[in-house]
Protein backbone atom coordinates (compact mmCIF):
# COMPACT_ATOMS: atom_id res chain seq x y z
CA MET A 1 7.48 17.49 -23.11
CA SER A 2 6.30 14.99 -25.63
CA GLU A 3 3.01 13.24 -25.03
CA ASP A 4 4.61 9.98 -26.23
CA ASP A 5 7.28 9.74 -23.52
CA ASN A 6 5.88 6.59 -21.85
CA ALA A 7 5.14 8.49 -18.63
CA TRP A 8 2.71 6.86 -16.22
CA PHE A 9 2.22 9.87 -13.94
CA ALA A 10 1.78 13.59 -14.45
CA PRO A 11 4.02 15.88 -12.43
CA LYS A 12 2.52 17.84 -9.57
CA ARG A 13 1.87 21.46 -10.43
CA TYR A 14 3.08 22.71 -7.06
CA GLY A 15 5.59 20.94 -4.84
CA TYR A 16 7.65 17.81 -5.24
CA GLY A 17 6.63 14.42 -6.59
CA ALA A 18 4.06 12.84 -8.87
CA GLY A 19 0.46 13.74 -9.46
CA LEU A 20 -2.32 11.51 -10.69
CA PRO A 21 -1.71 8.63 -13.11
CA ILE A 22 -2.08 9.50 -16.80
CA ALA A 23 -1.67 5.99 -18.23
CA ARG A 24 -3.34 2.70 -17.49
CA GLU A 25 -0.04 1.34 -16.17
CA GLY A 26 -0.01 4.09 -13.55
CA TRP A 27 -3.58 3.33 -12.54
CA ALA A 28 -2.71 -0.38 -12.35
CA LEU A 29 0.29 0.39 -10.14
CA LEU A 30 -1.79 2.57 -7.83
CA SER A 31 -4.60 -0.02 -7.70
CA GLY A 32 -2.12 -2.79 -6.91
CA TYR A 33 -0.62 -0.69 -4.12
CA LEU A 34 -4.05 -0.09 -2.59
CA LEU A 35 -4.82 -3.81 -2.86
CA VAL A 36 -1.58 -4.63 -1.01
CA LEU A 37 -2.54 -2.15 1.74
CA GLY A 38 -5.94 -3.86 2.06
CA LEU A 39 -4.28 -7.25 2.31
CA CYS A 40 -1.95 -5.89 5.01
CA ALA A 41 -5.02 -4.77 6.99
CA LEU A 42 -6.51 -8.26 6.68
CA LEU A 43 -3.22 -9.79 7.79
CA ILE A 44 -3.18 -7.63 10.91
CA GLU A 45 -6.79 -8.56 11.65
CA TRP A 46 -6.01 -12.26 11.20
CA ASP A 47 -3.10 -12.30 13.69
CA ALA A 48 -2.08 -9.07 15.40
CA ALA A 49 1.29 -10.31 16.71
CA ILE A 50 2.83 -12.06 13.72
CA GLY A 51 0.60 -10.41 11.15
CA GLY A 52 1.47 -6.92 12.37
CA ALA A 53 5.20 -7.34 11.83
CA THR A 54 4.70 -9.11 8.51
CA ALA A 55 2.18 -6.52 7.34
CA PHE A 56 4.56 -3.70 8.23
CA ALA A 57 7.37 -5.31 6.22
CA ILE A 58 5.07 -5.80 3.23
CA PHE A 59 3.73 -2.25 3.56
CA LEU A 60 7.25 -0.82 3.69
CA ALA A 61 8.43 -2.80 0.65
CA ALA A 62 5.31 -1.86 -1.36
CA THR A 63 5.65 1.83 -0.47
CA ILE A 64 9.32 1.91 -1.45
CA ALA A 65 8.50 0.18 -4.74
CA LEU A 66 5.65 2.64 -5.45
CA ILE A 67 7.90 5.64 -4.80
CA MET A 68 10.76 4.31 -6.92
CA ILE A 69 8.57 3.36 -9.88
CA SER A 70 6.52 6.54 -9.82
CA ALA A 71 9.68 8.67 -9.60
CA ARG A 72 11.06 7.02 -12.73
CA LYS A 73 7.76 7.10 -14.62
CA THR A 74 6.73 10.71 -13.90
CA ARG A 75 6.82 13.06 -16.88
CA GLY A 76 9.79 15.36 -16.32
CA GLY A 77 10.95 13.51 -13.20
CA TRP A 78 10.52 14.53 -9.60
CA ARG A 79 11.62 18.07 -8.82
CA TRP A 80 10.23 21.09 -7.05
CA ARG A 81 7.63 22.96 -9.11
CA TRP A 82 6.18 26.40 -8.45
CA GLY A 83 3.17 26.12 -10.77
CA ASP A 84 4.18 28.79 -13.26
CA GLU A 85 5.59 26.35 -15.82
CA GLU A 86 3.68 24.98 -18.82
C-alpha cells in the first residue's frame, strides 16, 4: 500500500477492524469520540432519567459514526488479518 493513501488508521495486524490512528485526523476523530463519551457521562450525572436516555442516543450515534468513518479511512479497509502479511 502507498503511504500517501489518505488513510487515518492503520489496519490491525490480527483480527478484524482498525488499529491505532496514523494521521492527525484519526487522532482528532478518536479524541472527539472520547470527548462525546465524557459529555454523555456528565449528562447522566446531571439528570439520570432524561439524561440517561439522551446520553444513550448520543453515545449510539457517536459510536456508529466512529465505526463508519474508521472503516472507510483504514488503510486496506476492514477485513480479517492473520498477521503474516506485510
